[in-house]
Amino acid sequence: MPQLEYYPRLYLSEGINREKLEKIKKSLSARPHKAGVYLLTLPGNASDQLDIYESKYLRQKYYDRHPLYVIGIAEDYGAAVGIVEQIARETWAARGDAGLREYLAAGMESADVECDIKNT
């Protein structure tokens, strides 16, 4: 099973509420091939800002040995891109640059509260 760690202020697309989130997390930990769920994660390399994975790809054994840090969950690819755009806007407003990784790292140290992000 893949090892997933979740951002304290997990970004959620509009179609995912708290109840649905708990079901998704449970499903991903039991059998990570839930169709129609996209995960935004910190990338495994230094050159990218974020990665977007369709959860069905987590069935690959590679992810059993390489844990993912999940920043956001969306119900489709378009919503996942919308979350990336929202994070980029927040980063620009807070830092004046496009350092998404650094902005998110600062959030890892903040409150353990999950927040819903509405795509605009």
N, C-alpha and C. Protein backbone atom coordinates (compact mmCIF):
# COMPACT_ATOMS: atom_id res chain seq x y z
N MET A 1 0.83 -1.18 0.00
CA MET A 1 0.00 0.00 0.00
C MET A 1 0.87 1.25 0.00
N PRO A 2 0.47 2.26 -0.74
CA PRO A 2 1.26 3.49 -0.76
C PRO A 2 1.20 4.20 0.59
N GLN A 3 2.27 4.89 0.89
CA GLN A 3 2.33 5.67 2.11
C GLN A 3 1.99 7.11 1.76
N LEU A 4 0.92 7.62 2.34
CA LEU A 4 0.49 8.99 2.07
C LEU A 4 0.51 9.79 3.35
N GLU A 5 1.09 10.97 3.27
CA GLU A 5 1.06 11.91 4.39
C GLU A 5 0.29 13.12 3.88
N TYR A 6 -0.52 13.73 4.73
CA TYR A 6 -1.39 14.80 4.29
C TYR A 6 -0.98 16.15 4.89
N TYR A 7 -1.03 17.17 4.06
CA TYR A 7 -0.77 18.55 4.43
C TYR A 7 -1.74 18.95 5.53
N PRO A 8 -1.29 19.68 6.55
CA PRO A 8 -2.20 20.05 7.66
C PRO A 8 -3.40 20.88 7.21
N ARG A 9 -3.21 21.72 6.19
CA ARG A 9 -4.30 22.55 5.67
C ARG A 9 -4.63 22.06 4.26
N LEU A 10 -5.05 20.82 4.17
CA LEU A 10 -5.30 20.15 2.90
C LEU A 10 -6.25 20.95 2.02
N TYR A 11 -5.84 21.16 0.77
CA TYR A 11 -6.68 21.85 -0.21
C TYR A 11 -7.65 20.85 -0.82
N LEU A 12 -8.91 21.26 -0.91
CA LEU A 12 -9.95 20.39 -1.46
C LEU A 12 -10.69 21.11 -2.57
N SER A 13 -11.01 20.39 -3.62
CA SER A 13 -11.83 20.99 -4.67
C SER A 13 -13.26 21.14 -4.17
N GLU A 14 -14.02 21.90 -4.90
CA GLU A 14 -15.38 22.24 -4.49
C GLU A 14 -16.27 21.03 -4.27
N GLY A 15 -16.06 19.96 -5.03
CA GLY A 15 -16.93 18.78 -4.94
C GLY A 15 -16.59 17.82 -3.81
N ILE A 16 -15.62 18.17 -2.98
CA ILE A 16 -15.22 17.27 -1.89
C ILE A 16 -15.46 17.95 -0.55
N ASN A 17 -16.41 17.39 0.20
CA ASN A 17 -16.68 17.91 1.54
C ASN A 17 -15.96 17.05 2.57
N ARG A 18 -16.06 17.40 3.84
CA ARG A 18 -15.34 16.71 4.91
C ARG A 18 -15.72 15.23 4.99
N GLU A 19 -17.00 14.92 4.84
CA GLU A 19 -17.46 13.52 4.90
C GLU A 19 -16.88 12.72 3.73
N LYS A 20 -16.94 13.30 2.55
CA LYS A 20 -16.40 12.63 1.37
C LYS A 20 -14.88 12.48 1.50
N LEU A 21 -14.23 13.48 2.08
CA LEU A 21 -12.78 13.42 2.27
C LEU A 21 -12.38 12.22 3.11
N GLU A 22 -13.08 11.98 4.19
CA GLU A 22 -12.74 10.84 5.05
C GLU A 22 -12.91 9.52 4.31
N LYS A 23 -13.94 9.42 3.49
CA LYS A 23 -14.15 8.21 2.69
C LYS A 23 -13.03 8.04 1.67
N ILE A 24 -12.62 9.14 1.05
CA ILE A 24 -11.54 9.08 0.06
C ILE A 24 -10.24 8.64 0.72
N LYS A 25 -9.91 9.24 1.86
CA LYS A 25 -8.68 8.87 2.56
C LYS A 25 -8.67 7.40 2.94
N LYS A 26 -9.81 6.93 3.43
CA LYS A 26 -9.93 5.52 3.81
C LYS A 26 -9.76 4.62 2.60
N SER A 27 -10.38 5.00 1.51
CA SER A 27 -10.28 4.22 0.27
C SER A 27 -8.85 4.21 -0.26
N LEU A 28 -8.16 5.34 -0.20
CA LEU A 28 -6.79 5.41 -0.70
C LEU A 28 -5.85 4.57 0.14
N SER A 29 -6.10 4.49 1.44
CA SER A 29 -5.22 3.68 2.28
C SER A 29 -5.51 2.19 2.12
N ALA A 30 -6.73 1.84 1.74
CA ALA A 30 -7.09 0.43 1.58
C ALA A 30 -6.77 -0.08 0.18
N ARG A 31 -7.19 0.65 -0.81
CA ARG A 31 -6.98 0.26 -2.19
C ARG A 31 -6.89 1.52 -3.04
N PRO A 32 -5.70 1.94 -3.37
CA PRO A 32 -5.51 3.24 -4.01
C PRO A 32 -5.82 3.29 -5.50
N HIS A 33 -6.96 2.80 -5.87
CA HIS A 33 -7.33 2.88 -7.28
C HIS A 33 -8.73 3.44 -7.45
N LYS A 34 -9.09 4.34 -6.58
CA LYS A 34 -10.39 5.00 -6.66
C LYS A 34 -10.39 5.90 -7.89
N ALA A 35 -11.26 5.61 -8.82
CA ALA A 35 -11.34 6.39 -10.06
C ALA A 35 -11.88 7.78 -9.76
N GLY A 36 -11.41 8.72 -10.53
CA GLY A 36 -11.94 10.07 -10.42
C GLY A 36 -11.42 10.87 -9.25
N VAL A 37 -10.30 10.48 -8.67
CA VAL A 37 -9.71 11.24 -7.58
C VAL A 37 -8.29 11.61 -8.00
N TYR A 38 -7.99 12.88 -7.89
CA TYR A 38 -6.66 13.37 -8.24
C TYR A 38 -5.99 13.94 -7.01
N LEU A 39 -4.70 13.63 -6.86
CA LEU A 39 -3.93 14.08 -5.72
C LEU A 39 -2.88 15.09 -6.18
N LEU A 40 -2.77 16.20 -5.47
CA LEU A 40 -1.69 17.15 -5.68
C LEU A 40 -0.65 16.85 -4.62
N THR A 41 0.58 16.65 -5.03
CA THR A 41 1.63 16.26 -4.10
C THR A 41 2.87 17.11 -4.30
N LEU A 42 3.71 17.13 -3.27
CA LEU A 42 5.03 17.71 -3.44
C LEU A 42 5.79 16.79 -4.38
N PRO A 43 6.58 17.34 -5.30
CA PRO A 43 7.28 16.52 -6.28
C PRO A 43 8.48 15.79 -5.68
N GLY A 44 8.89 14.77 -6.37
CA GLY A 44 10.04 13.99 -5.94
C GLY A 44 11.36 14.55 -6.42
N ASN A 45 11.33 15.65 -7.17
CA ASN A 45 12.56 16.25 -7.66
C ASN A 45 12.59 17.74 -7.29
N ALA A 46 13.73 18.35 -7.46
CA ALA A 46 13.90 19.74 -7.04
C ALA A 46 13.44 20.75 -8.08
N SER A 47 13.18 20.32 -9.30
CA SER A 47 12.86 21.28 -10.36
C SER A 47 11.36 21.57 -10.50
N ASP A 48 10.50 20.71 -10.02
CA ASP A 48 9.06 20.91 -10.16
C ASP A 48 8.49 21.58 -8.91
N GLN A 49 7.31 22.18 -9.08
CA GLN A 49 6.62 22.83 -7.96
C GLN A 49 5.65 21.85 -7.28
N LEU A 50 4.79 21.23 -8.08
CA LEU A 50 3.79 20.26 -7.58
C LEU A 50 3.59 19.19 -8.65
N ASP A 51 3.12 18.03 -8.21
CA ASP A 51 2.73 16.97 -9.13
C ASP A 51 1.24 16.70 -8.97
N ILE A 52 0.60 16.28 -10.05
CA ILE A 52 -0.80 15.86 -10.02
C ILE A 52 -0.84 14.40 -10.45
N TYR A 53 -1.42 13.56 -9.59
CA TYR A 53 -1.55 12.13 -9.87
C TYR A 53 -3.01 11.73 -9.87
N GLU A 54 -3.41 10.93 -10.83
CA GLU A 54 -4.70 10.27 -10.70
C GLU A 54 -4.46 9.11 -9.73
N SER A 55 -5.33 8.94 -8.77
CA SER A 55 -5.07 8.00 -7.68
C SER A 55 -4.88 6.56 -8.16
N LYS A 56 -5.42 6.22 -9.31
CA LYS A 56 -5.26 4.84 -9.79
C LYS A 56 -3.79 4.48 -10.04
N TYR A 57 -2.94 5.47 -10.27
CA TYR A 57 -1.53 5.19 -10.50
C TYR A 57 -0.79 4.79 -9.23
N LEU A 58 -1.40 5.00 -8.09
CA LEU A 58 -0.76 4.63 -6.83
C LEU A 58 -0.74 3.13 -6.61
N ARG A 59 -1.36 2.38 -7.51
CA ARG A 59 -1.29 0.90 -7.43
C ARG A 59 0.10 0.39 -7.74
N GLN A 60 0.91 1.19 -8.39
CA GLN A 60 2.26 0.76 -8.75
C GLN A 60 3.11 0.59 -7.48
N LYS A 61 3.88 -0.45 -7.45
CA LYS A 61 4.69 -0.77 -6.27
C LYS A 61 5.70 0.33 -5.92
N TYR A 62 6.06 1.12 -6.89
CA TYR A 62 6.99 2.23 -6.66
C TYR A 62 6.52 3.09 -5.49
N TYR A 63 5.22 3.34 -5.42
CA TYR A 63 4.68 4.23 -4.39
C TYR A 63 4.62 3.57 -3.01
N ASP A 64 4.80 2.27 -2.94
CA ASP A 64 4.91 1.60 -1.65
C ASP A 64 6.23 1.97 -0.98
N ARG A 65 7.24 2.23 -1.79
CA ARG A 65 8.58 2.55 -1.27
C ARG A 65 8.88 4.04 -1.28
N HIS A 66 8.08 4.83 -1.97
CA HIS A 66 8.31 6.26 -2.10
C HIS A 66 7.05 7.01 -1.65
N PRO A 67 7.00 7.40 -0.39
CA PRO A 67 5.80 8.05 0.13
C PRO A 67 5.52 9.39 -0.57
N LEU A 68 4.26 9.75 -0.61
CA LEU A 68 3.84 11.01 -1.20
C LEU A 68 3.29 11.93 -0.12
N TYR A 69 3.57 13.20 -0.27
CA TYR A 69 3.04 14.20 0.64
C TYR A 69 1.92 14.91 -0.11
N VAL A 70 0.68 14.66 0.30
CA VAL A 70 -0.50 15.14 -0.41
C VAL A 70 -0.85 16.55 0.06
N ILE A 71 -0.89 17.48 -0.88
CA ILE A 71 -1.22 18.87 -0.61
C ILE A 71 -2.71 19.12 -0.84
N GLY A 72 -3.28 18.43 -1.82
CA GLY A 72 -4.68 18.66 -2.16
C GLY A 72 -5.31 17.44 -2.82
N ILE A 73 -6.64 17.43 -2.78
CA ILE A 73 -7.42 16.35 -3.40
C ILE A 73 -8.54 16.98 -4.23
N ALA A 74 -8.70 16.48 -5.45
CA ALA A 74 -9.72 17.00 -6.35
C ALA A 74 -10.50 15.86 -6.98
N GLU A 75 -11.71 16.17 -7.45
CA GLU A 75 -12.54 15.13 -8.05
C GLU A 75 -12.27 14.94 -9.53
N ASP A 76 -11.55 15.85 -10.17
CA ASP A 76 -11.16 15.67 -11.56
C ASP A 76 -9.91 16.50 -11.86
N TYR A 77 -9.35 16.29 -13.04
CA TYR A 77 -8.10 16.95 -13.39
C TYR A 77 -8.26 18.48 -13.44
N GLY A 78 -9.35 18.95 -14.02
CA GLY A 78 -9.59 20.39 -14.10
C GLY A 78 -9.64 21.03 -12.72
N ALA A 79 -10.28 20.36 -11.78
CA ALA A 79 -10.34 20.88 -10.41
C ALA A 79 -8.96 20.87 -9.76
N ALA A 80 -8.14 19.87 -10.08
CA ALA A 80 -6.78 19.81 -9.56
C ALA A 80 -5.96 20.99 -10.07
N VAL A 81 -6.10 21.31 -11.36
CA VAL A 81 -5.40 22.46 -11.92
C VAL A 81 -5.90 23.75 -11.27
N GLY A 82 -7.19 23.80 -10.99
CA GLY A 82 -7.76 24.96 -10.29
C GLY A 82 -7.14 25.16 -8.91
N ILE A 83 -6.88 24.07 -8.22
CA ILE A 83 -6.23 24.16 -6.90
C ILE A 83 -4.80 24.68 -7.06
N VAL A 84 -4.09 24.21 -8.08
CA VAL A 84 -2.73 24.71 -8.32
C VAL A 84 -2.77 26.21 -8.58
N GLU A 85 -3.74 26.66 -9.37
CA GLU A 85 -3.89 28.09 -9.63
C GLU A 85 -4.16 28.86 -8.35
N GLN A 86 -5.01 28.32 -7.49
CA GLN A 86 -5.33 28.97 -6.22
C GLN A 86 -4.08 29.07 -5.33
N ILE A 87 -3.30 28.00 -5.27
CA ILE A 87 -2.07 28.02 -4.48
C ILE A 87 -1.10 29.05 -5.05
N ALA A 88 -1.02 29.14 -6.38
CA ALA A 88 -0.13 30.12 -7.01
C ALA A 88 -0.57 31.54 -6.67
N ARG A 89 -1.88 31.81 -6.69
CA ARG A 89 -2.38 33.14 -6.32
C ARG A 89 -2.07 33.45 -4.86
N GLU A 90 -2.29 32.47 -3.98
CA GLU A 90 -1.99 32.67 -2.56
C GLU A 90 -0.50 32.93 -2.35
N THR A 91 0.33 32.18 -3.06
CA THR A 91 1.77 32.34 -2.94
C THR A 91 2.20 33.73 -3.39
N TRP A 92 1.66 34.17 -4.52
CA TRP A 92 2.01 35.50 -5.02
C TRP A 92 1.58 36.58 -4.03
N ALA A 93 0.37 36.44 -3.48
CA ALA A 93 -0.13 37.43 -2.52
C ALA A 93 0.71 37.45 -1.25
N ALA A 94 1.14 36.29 -0.78
CA ALA A 94 1.88 36.20 0.48
C ALA A 94 3.36 36.52 0.33
N ARG A 95 3.95 36.11 -0.79
CA ARG A 95 5.41 36.19 -0.93
C ARG A 95 5.89 37.10 -2.05
N GLY A 96 5.01 37.38 -3.02
CA GLY A 96 5.42 38.19 -4.15
C GLY A 96 6.26 37.43 -5.16
N ASP A 97 6.24 36.11 -5.09
CA ASP A 97 6.97 35.28 -6.04
C ASP A 97 6.18 34.00 -6.32
N ALA A 98 6.78 33.09 -7.06
CA ALA A 98 6.10 31.84 -7.42
C ALA A 98 6.72 30.65 -6.70
N GLY A 99 7.22 30.85 -5.50
CA GLY A 99 7.84 29.78 -4.72
C GLY A 99 6.79 28.94 -3.99
N LEU A 100 6.04 28.16 -4.76
CA LEU A 100 4.97 27.35 -4.17
C LEU A 100 5.48 26.41 -3.09
N ARG A 101 6.59 25.77 -3.34
CA ARG A 101 7.12 24.81 -2.36
C ARG A 101 7.44 25.50 -1.04
N GLU A 102 8.07 26.66 -1.13
CA GLU A 102 8.43 27.39 0.09
C GLU A 102 7.18 27.87 0.82
N TYR A 103 6.20 28.36 0.06
CA TYR A 103 4.94 28.82 0.65
C TYR A 103 4.24 27.67 1.37
N LEU A 104 4.18 26.52 0.73
CA LEU A 104 3.53 25.36 1.33
C LEU A 104 4.31 24.85 2.54
N ALA A 105 5.64 24.91 2.48
CA ALA A 105 6.46 24.48 3.62
C ALA A 105 6.15 25.32 4.85
N ALA A 106 5.91 26.60 4.66
CA ALA A 106 5.55 27.46 5.79
C ALA A 106 4.21 27.03 6.37
N GLY A 107 3.30 26.57 5.51
CA GLY A 107 1.99 26.09 5.97
C GLY A 107 2.07 24.78 6.72
N MET A 108 3.12 24.01 6.47
CA MET A 108 3.28 22.73 7.17
C MET A 108 3.54 22.96 8.65
N GLU A 109 4.05 24.13 8.97
CA GLU A 109 4.37 24.44 10.36
C GLU A 109 3.22 25.14 11.06
N SER A 110 2.16 25.48 10.32
CA SER A 110 1.05 26.22 10.92
C SER A 110 -0.02 25.28 11.45
N ALA A 111 -1.19 25.80 11.67
CA ALA A 111 -2.29 25.08 12.32
C ALA A 111 -2.63 23.76 11.63
N ASP A 112 -3.14 22.83 12.40
CA ASP A 112 -3.55 21.52 11.90
C ASP A 112 -5.00 21.55 11.45
N VAL A 113 -5.39 22.58 10.77
CA VAL A 113 -6.76 22.76 10.34
C VAL A 113 -6.83 22.57 8.84
N GLU A 114 -7.78 21.77 8.38
CA GLU A 114 -7.97 21.58 6.96
C GLU A 114 -8.87 22.71 6.46
N CYS A 115 -8.59 23.18 5.25
CA CYS A 115 -9.41 24.25 4.71
C CYS A 115 -9.91 23.85 3.34
N ASP A 116 -11.14 24.25 3.01
CA ASP A 116 -11.71 24.01 1.70
C ASP A 116 -11.34 25.19 0.81
N ILE A 117 -10.90 24.91 -0.39
CA ILE A 117 -10.57 25.95 -1.35
C ILE A 117 -11.57 25.83 -2.49
N LYS A 118 -12.28 26.90 -2.74
CA LYS A 118 -13.25 26.94 -3.84
C LYS A 118 -12.53 27.39 -5.09
N ASN A 119 -12.70 26.67 -6.17
CA ASN A 119 -12.09 27.06 -7.44
C ASN A 119 -12.81 28.27 -8.00
N THR A 120 -12.03 29.22 -8.48
CA THR A 120 -12.63 30.43 -9.06
C THR A 120 -12.26 30.56 -10.50
